[in-house]
Amino acid sequence: MREPHRKVVLGSKWPTVYATYERGIPKIFGSDVDHEYGLMGIYQNFQLGTLGTSSYHIKSGKFLSSKNLKDADFKYQRRSDPIWFSNPLYSFQDQDSSLPSRDYYIEAHFIHHDNGSIMNKIPFMKKTGIGLVFGCGALYVAEYNWRHYEVLAGIERNFKFSKRRLRIGLYGVFSDGNNISPRWTGKISFAVLDDRNMKFNF
């Protein structure tokens, strides 16, 4: 969509599917690495009428061969930061271990922003500008038989900061899995609006 001073990318109503292939080629420029890695994923952002916006991201990867695989070439399911709320479409909020793996893994993420559709119906809350957000995530790493699940919910508010839009969020996360006991944790996030696509990173 064209506007007087910018172009706005409207996106598609269909999900985006992607695939990547990585090859470590031996004997090229003195290289001794020798591996193949494949990754597939799907993601989508969509509007739920007046109820807000939702996003999901599902992906799976696996080393197809690993004749000579270096530590730097492993794919890690990264452990979570202790306080900061990271992008919930690409990471987990209460994963307590970093897992390097050769075998396949599957991870799925979902998040929904109500954009004030719920809070605005509560008397006196519309003026606060606070919005609700909730989501969930799941991870399975075959090499460790590792299963991790989490559910999150929180509140967010936008502020003007030095001619930019800043969003501050506070979240609670409940997690469980076959290698941890059920637990709760709190997180905080600071996100700046991207001037190019006029969107936050999640």
C-alpha atoms as a PDB file:
ATOM      1  CA  MET A   1       0.000   0.000   0.000  1.00  0.00           C
ATOM      2  CA  ARG A   2       1.422   3.378  -0.993  1.00  0.00           C
ATOM      3  CA  GLU A   3       1.219   6.335   1.364  1.00  0.00           C
ATOM      4  CA  PRO A   4       2.516   9.863   0.750  1.00  0.00           C
ATOM      5  CA  HIS A   5       5.900   9.249   2.401  1.00  0.00           C
ATOM      6  CA  ARG A   6       6.262   5.467   2.611  1.00  0.00           C
ATOM      7  CA  LYS A   7       5.181   2.070   1.377  1.00  0.00           C
ATOM      8  CA  VAL A   8       3.441  -0.372   3.740  1.00  0.00           C
ATOM      9  CA  VAL A   9       3.857  -4.108   3.172  1.00  0.00           C
ATOM     10  CA  LEU A  10       0.456  -5.671   3.830  1.00  0.00           C
ATOM     11  CA  GLY A  11       1.670  -9.273   3.765  1.00  0.00           C
ATOM     12  CA  SER A  12      -0.306 -12.330   2.729  1.00  0.00           C
ATOM     13  CA  LYS A  13      -3.255 -14.197   4.192  1.00  0.00           C
ATOM     14  CA  TRP A  14      -1.331 -17.439   3.592  1.00  0.00           C
ATOM     15  CA  PRO A  15       1.420 -18.815   5.850  1.00  0.00           C
ATOM     16  CA  THR A  16       5.063 -18.577   4.801  1.00  0.00           C
ATOM     17  CA  VAL A  17       6.879 -21.899   4.347  1.00  0.00           C
ATOM     18  CA  TYR A  18      10.674 -21.988   4.164  1.00  0.00           C
ATOM     19  CA  ALA A  19      13.476 -24.537   3.899  1.00  0.00           C
ATOM     20  CA  THR A  20      17.265 -24.249   4.167  1.00  0.00           C
ATOM     21  CA  TYR A  21      20.128 -26.591   3.384  1.00  0.00           C
ATOM     22  CA  GLU A  22      23.625 -26.215   4.819  1.00  0.00           C
ATOM     23  CA  ARG A  23      26.707 -28.092   3.614  1.00  0.00           C
ATOM     24  CA  GLY A  24      30.148 -28.160   5.199  1.00  0.00           C
ATOM     25  CA  ILE A  25      32.455 -29.031   2.288  1.00  0.00           C
ATOM     26  CA  PRO A  26      35.804 -30.653   3.122  1.00  0.00           C
ATOM     27  CA  LYS A  27      39.113 -29.848   1.395  1.00  0.00           C
ATOM     28  CA  ILE A  28      37.943 -26.407   0.249  1.00  0.00           C
ATOM     29  CA  PHE A  29      40.427 -23.712   1.351  1.00  0.00           C
ATOM     30  CA  GLY A  30      41.907 -26.213   3.808  1.00  0.00           C
ATOM     31  CA  SER A  31      38.548 -27.025   5.419  1.00  0.00           C
ATOM     32  CA  ASP A  32      38.107 -30.339   7.215  1.00  0.00           C
ATOM     33  CA  VAL A  33      34.406 -29.964   8.107  1.00  0.00           C
ATOM     34  CA  ASP A  34      32.015 -32.434   6.504  1.00  0.00           C
ATOM     35  CA  HIS A  35      28.337 -32.231   7.345  1.00  0.00           C
ATOM     36  CA  GLU A  36      24.867 -31.610   5.906  1.00  0.00           C
ATOM     37  CA  TYR A  37      21.983 -29.937   7.708  1.00  0.00           C
ATOM     38  CA  GLY A  38      18.361 -29.406   6.709  1.00  0.00           C
ATOM     39  CA  LEU A  39      15.732 -27.120   8.243  1.00  0.00           C
ATOM     40  CA  MET A  40      12.043 -26.568   7.453  1.00  0.00           C
ATOM     41  CA  GLY A  41       9.585 -24.182   8.999  1.00  0.00           C
ATOM     42  CA  ILE A  42       6.280 -22.355   8.683  1.00  0.00           C
ATOM     43  CA  TYR A  43       5.083 -19.074  10.205  1.00  0.00           C
ATOM     44  CA  GLN A  44       2.142 -16.711   9.896  1.00  0.00           C
ATOM     45  CA  ASN A  45       0.715 -13.496  11.343  1.00  0.00           C
ATOM     46  CA  PHE A  46      -3.039 -12.982  11.140  1.00  0.00           C
ATOM     47  CA  GLN A  47      -5.822 -10.790  12.478  1.00  0.00           C
ATOM     48  CA  LEU A  48      -8.667 -12.274  14.544  1.00  0.00           C
ATOM     49  CA  GLY A  49     -11.288  -9.647  13.819  1.00  0.00           C
ATOM     50  CA  THR A  50     -11.508  -7.270  16.768  1.00  0.00           C
ATOM     51  CA  LEU A  51      -9.891  -9.778  19.151  1.00  0.00           C
ATOM     52  CA  GLY A  52      -6.324  -8.835  18.208  1.00  0.00           C
ATOM     53  CA  THR A  53      -3.452 -10.342  16.254  1.00  0.00           C
ATOM     54  CA  SER A  54      -1.923 -13.810  16.466  1.00  0.00           C
ATOM     55  CA  SER A  55       1.362 -15.288  15.240  1.00  0.00           C
ATOM     56  CA  TYR A  56       2.767 -18.792  15.149  1.00  0.00           C
ATOM     57  CA  HIS A  57       6.068 -20.359  14.090  1.00  0.00           C
ATOM     58  CA  ILE A  58       6.831 -24.078  13.758  1.00  0.00           C
ATOM     59  CA  LYS A  59      10.173 -25.481  12.636  1.00  0.00           C
ATOM     60  CA  SER A  60      12.217 -28.674  12.614  1.00  0.00           C
ATOM     61  CA  GLY A  61      15.850 -29.369  11.765  1.00  0.00           C
ATOM     62  CA  LYS A  62      18.239 -32.317  11.560  1.00  0.00           C
ATOM     63  CA  PHE A  63      21.805 -33.117  10.524  1.00  0.00           C
ATOM     64  CA  LEU A  64      21.535 -35.283   7.422  1.00  0.00           C
ATOM     65  CA  SER A  65      25.183 -36.301   7.795  1.00  0.00           C
ATOM     66  CA  SER A  66      27.909 -35.441  10.314  1.00  0.00           C
ATOM     67  CA  LYS A  67      31.145 -37.086   9.247  1.00  0.00           C
ATOM     68  CA  ASN A  68      33.222 -34.255  10.734  1.00  0.00           C
ATOM     69  CA  LEU A  69      31.139 -31.858  12.790  1.00  0.00           C
ATOM     70  CA  LYS A  70      32.805 -29.113  14.846  1.00  0.00           C
ATOM     71  CA  ASP A  71      31.377 -27.616  18.039  1.00  0.00           C
ATOM     72  CA  ALA A  72      30.742 -24.289  16.276  1.00  0.00           C
ATOM     73  CA  ASP A  73      28.586 -26.044  13.672  1.00  0.00           C
ATOM     74  CA  PHE A  74      26.223 -27.749  16.133  1.00  0.00           C
ATOM     75  CA  LYS A  75      22.668 -26.456  16.302  1.00  0.00           C
ATOM     76  CA  TYR A  76      21.741 -25.424  19.827  1.00  0.00           C
ATOM     77  CA  GLN A  77      18.384 -25.152  21.507  1.00  0.00           C
ATOM     78  CA  ARG A  78      19.518 -22.148  23.538  1.00  0.00           C
ATOM     79  CA  ARG A  79      18.782 -21.791  27.218  1.00  0.00           C
ATOM     80  CA  SER A  80      16.599 -18.845  28.241  1.00  0.00           C
ATOM     81  CA  ASP A  81      17.783 -15.558  29.679  1.00  0.00           C
ATOM     82  CA  PRO A  82      17.113 -15.264  33.430  1.00  0.00           C
ATOM     83  CA  ILE A  83      15.153 -11.972  33.342  1.00  0.00           C
ATOM     84  CA  TRP A  84      14.698 -10.742  29.772  1.00  0.00           C
ATOM     85  CA  PHE A  85      11.739 -11.837  27.714  1.00  0.00           C
ATOM     86  CA  SER A  86      13.141 -12.892  24.337  1.00  0.00           C
ATOM     87  CA  ASN A  87      11.231 -13.128  21.056  1.00  0.00           C
ATOM     88  CA  PRO A  88       8.651 -15.879  21.813  1.00  0.00           C
ATOM     89  CA  LEU A  89       8.379 -16.872  18.134  1.00  0.00           C
ATOM     90  CA  TYR A  90      12.032 -17.952  18.016  1.00  0.00           C
ATOM     91  CA  SER A  91      12.973 -18.856  21.591  1.00  0.00           C
ATOM     92  CA  PHE A  92      11.707 -20.157  24.908  1.00  0.00           C
ATOM     93  CA  GLN A  93      11.361 -18.175  28.125  1.00  0.00           C
ATOM     94  CA  ASP A  94      12.151 -20.885  30.698  1.00  0.00           C
ATOM     95  CA  GLN A  95      14.417 -23.401  28.944  1.00  0.00           C
ATOM     96  CA  ASP A  96      17.141 -24.115  31.535  1.00  0.00           C
ATOM     97  CA  SER A  97      19.679 -25.966  29.332  1.00  0.00           C
ATOM     98  CA  SER A  98      21.438 -25.375  26.012  1.00  0.00           C
ATOM     99  CA  LEU A  99      21.146 -28.576  23.990  1.00  0.00           C
ATOM    100  CA  PRO A 100      23.541 -29.283  21.096  1.00  0.00           C
ATOM    101  CA  SER A 101      22.095 -32.054  18.959  1.00  0.00           C
ATOM    102  CA  ARG A 102      22.750 -34.060  15.799  1.00  0.00           C
ATOM    103  CA  ASP A 103      19.308 -35.692  15.671  1.00  0.00           C
ATOM    104  CA  TYR A 104      16.073 -33.919  14.790  1.00  0.00           C
ATOM    105  CA  TYR A 105      14.166 -31.451  16.926  1.00  0.00           C
ATOM    106  CA  ILE A 106      10.726 -29.876  16.644  1.00  0.00           C
ATOM    107  CA  GLU A 107       9.704 -26.572  18.190  1.00  0.00           C
ATOM    108  CA  ALA A 108       6.437 -24.640  18.031  1.00  0.00           C
ATOM    109  CA  HIS A 109       5.524 -21.138  19.223  1.00  0.00           C
ATOM    110  CA  PHE A 110       2.304 -19.113  19.410  1.00  0.00           C
ATOM    111  CA  ILE A 111       1.549 -15.621  20.712  1.00  0.00           C
ATOM    112  CA  HIS A 112      -1.550 -13.397  20.689  1.00  0.00           C
ATOM    113  CA  HIS A 113      -1.845  -9.650  21.345  1.00  0.00           C
ATOM    114  CA  ASP A 114      -5.345  -8.482  22.211  1.00  0.00           C
ATOM    115  CA  ASN A 115      -4.515  -4.873  21.164  1.00  0.00           C
ATOM    116  CA  GLY A 116      -6.750  -3.605  23.966  1.00  0.00           C
ATOM    117  CA  SER A 117      -9.860  -5.548  22.908  1.00  0.00           C
ATOM    118  CA  ILE A 118     -10.243  -7.059  26.398  1.00  0.00           C
ATOM    119  CA  MET A 119      -8.815  -4.327  28.621  1.00  0.00           C
ATOM    120  CA  ASN A 120     -10.898  -1.630  26.904  1.00  0.00           C
ATOM    121  CA  LYS A 121     -14.086  -3.353  28.105  1.00  0.00           C
ATOM    122  CA  ILE A 122     -13.034  -2.951  31.756  1.00  0.00           C
ATOM    123  CA  PRO A 123     -14.164   0.374  33.259  1.00  0.00           C
ATOM    124  CA  PHE A 124     -11.345   2.964  33.587  1.00  0.00           C
ATOM    125  CA  MET A 125      -8.778   0.604  31.978  1.00  0.00           C
ATOM    126  CA  LYS A 126      -9.074   1.987  28.448  1.00  0.00           C
ATOM    127  CA  LYS A 127      -7.271   5.172  29.469  1.00  0.00           C
ATOM    128  CA  THR A 128      -4.268   3.200  30.726  1.00  0.00           C
ATOM    129  CA  GLY A 129      -3.375   1.960  27.228  1.00  0.00           C
ATOM    130  CA  ILE A 130      -2.493  -1.477  28.596  1.00  0.00           C
ATOM    131  CA  GLY A 131      -2.921  -4.540  26.409  1.00  0.00           C
ATOM    132  CA  LEU A 132      -2.944  -8.240  27.201  1.00  0.00           C
ATOM    133  CA  VAL A 133      -0.720 -10.851  25.592  1.00  0.00           C
ATOM    134  CA  PHE A 134      -0.623 -14.620  25.960  1.00  0.00           C
ATOM    135  CA  GLY A 135       1.023 -17.533  24.215  1.00  0.00           C
ATOM    136  CA  CYS A 136       2.612 -20.943  24.472  1.00  0.00           C
ATOM    137  CA  GLY A 137       5.541 -22.981  23.201  1.00  0.00           C
ATOM    138  CA  ALA A 138       6.714 -26.587  22.978  1.00  0.00           C
ATOM    139  CA  LEU A 139      10.037 -28.266  22.210  1.00  0.00           C
ATOM    140  CA  TYR A 140      11.078 -31.865  21.546  1.00  0.00           C
ATOM    141  CA  VAL A 141      14.741 -32.838  21.078  1.00  0.00           C
ATOM    142  CA  ALA A 142      14.964 -36.482  19.989  1.00  0.00           C
ATOM    143  CA  GLU A 143      18.617 -36.995  20.952  1.00  0.00           C
ATOM    144  CA  TYR A 144      17.888 -36.326  24.635  1.00  0.00           C
ATOM    145  CA  ASN A 145      14.217 -37.341  24.617  1.00  0.00           C
ATOM    146  CA  TRP A 146      13.759 -33.789  25.879  1.00  0.00           C
ATOM    147  CA  ARG A 147      10.241 -32.373  26.120  1.00  0.00           C
ATOM    148  CA  HIS A 148       9.591 -28.823  27.233  1.00  0.00           C
ATOM    149  CA  TYR A 149       6.289 -26.920  27.421  1.00  0.00           C
ATOM    150  CA  GLU A 150       5.462 -23.404  28.535  1.00  0.00           C
ATOM    151  CA  VAL A 151       2.503 -21.034  28.744  1.00  0.00           C
ATOM    152  CA  LEU A 152       2.907 -17.275  29.111  1.00  0.00           C
ATOM    153  CA  ALA A 153       0.693 -14.283  29.808  1.00  0.00           C
ATOM    154  CA  GLY A 154       1.412 -10.650  30.463  1.00  0.00           C
ATOM    155  CA  ILE A 155       0.599  -6.975  30.005  1.00  0.00           C
ATOM    156  CA  GLU A 156       2.171  -4.478  27.608  1.00  0.00           C
ATOM    157  CA  ARG A 157       2.069  -0.736  27.078  1.00  0.00           C
ATOM    158  CA  ASN A 158       3.464   1.544  24.358  1.00  0.00           C
ATOM    159  CA  PHE A 159       5.333   4.759  25.143  1.00  0.00           C
ATOM    160  CA  LYS A 160       6.882   7.539  23.087  1.00  0.00           C
ATOM    161  CA  PHE A 161      10.638   7.599  23.593  1.00  0.00           C
ATOM    162  CA  SER A 162      12.909  10.005  21.684  1.00  0.00           C
ATOM    163  CA  LYS A 163      10.594  10.114  18.639  1.00  0.00           C
ATOM    164  CA  ARG A 164      10.354   6.325  18.698  1.00  0.00           C
ATOM    165  CA  ARG A 165       7.717   3.906  19.947  1.00  0.00           C
ATOM    166  CA  LEU A 166       8.839   1.826  22.922  1.00  0.00           C
ATOM    167  CA  ARG A 167       6.815  -1.120  24.212  1.00  0.00           C
ATOM    168  CA  ILE A 168       7.398  -2.342  27.773  1.00  0.00           C
ATOM    169  CA  GLY A 169       5.989  -5.673  28.883  1.00  0.00           C
ATOM    170  CA  LEU A 170       5.733  -7.699  32.079  1.00  0.00           C
ATOM    171  CA  TYR A 171       5.077 -11.440  31.793  1.00  0.00           C
ATOM    172  CA  GLY A 172       4.548 -14.552  33.840  1.00  0.00           C
ATOM    173  CA  VAL A 173       5.665 -17.904  32.438  1.00  0.00           C
ATOM    174  CA  PHE A 174       4.623 -21.382  33.555  1.00  0.00           C
ATOM    175  CA  SER A 175       6.802 -24.238  32.283  1.00  0.00           C
ATOM    176  CA  ASP A 176       6.912 -28.013  32.620  1.00  0.00           C
ATOM    177  CA  GLY A 177       8.646 -30.953  30.953  1.00  0.00           C
ATOM    178  CA  ASN A 178      10.070 -34.411  31.457  1.00  0.00           C
ATOM    179  CA  ASN A 179      13.358 -33.006  32.822  1.00  0.00           C
ATOM    180  CA  ILE A 180      12.071 -30.228  35.095  1.00  0.00           C
ATOM    181  CA  SER A 181       9.430 -29.771  37.768  1.00  0.00           C
ATOM    182  CA  PRO A 182       6.513 -27.393  37.088  1.00  0.00           C
ATOM    183  CA  ARG A 183       7.546 -23.826  37.887  1.00  0.00           C
ATOM    184  CA  TRP A 184       6.730 -20.140  37.432  1.00  0.00           C
ATOM    185  CA  THR A 185       9.034 -17.286  36.465  1.00  0.00           C
ATOM    186  CA  GLY A 186       8.691 -13.567  35.710  1.00  0.00           C
ATOM    187  CA  LYS A 187      10.110 -11.695  32.698  1.00  0.00           C
ATOM    188  CA  ILE A 188      10.363  -8.140  31.367  1.00  0.00           C
ATOM    189  CA  SER A 189      10.829  -6.872  27.811  1.00  0.00           C
ATOM    190  CA  PHE A 190      11.687  -3.646  26.009  1.00  0.00           C
ATOM    191  CA  ALA A 191      10.891  -3.511  22.284  1.00  0.00           C
ATOM    192  CA  VAL A 192      11.331  -0.626  19.837  1.00  0.00           C
ATOM    193  CA  LEU A 193       9.051  -0.193  16.836  1.00  0.00           C
ATOM    194  CA  ASP A 194      10.819  -0.885  13.534  1.00  0.00           C
ATOM    195  CA  ASP A 195      10.596   2.270  11.410  1.00  0.00           C
ATOM    196  CA  ARG A 196      10.769   0.309   8.149  1.00  0.00           C
ATOM    197  CA  ASN A 197       7.827  -2.079   8.593  1.00  0.00           C
ATOM    198  CA  MET A 198       6.123  -0.245  11.476  1.00  0.00           C
ATOM    199  CA  LYS A 199       6.004  -3.430  13.546  1.00  0.00           C
ATOM    200  CA  PHE A 200       7.483  -4.716  16.767  1.00  0.00           C
ATOM    201  CA  ASN A 201       9.627  -7.856  16.572  1.00  0.00           C
ATOM    202  CA  PHE A 202       6.795  -9.907  18.111  1.00  0.00           C
END
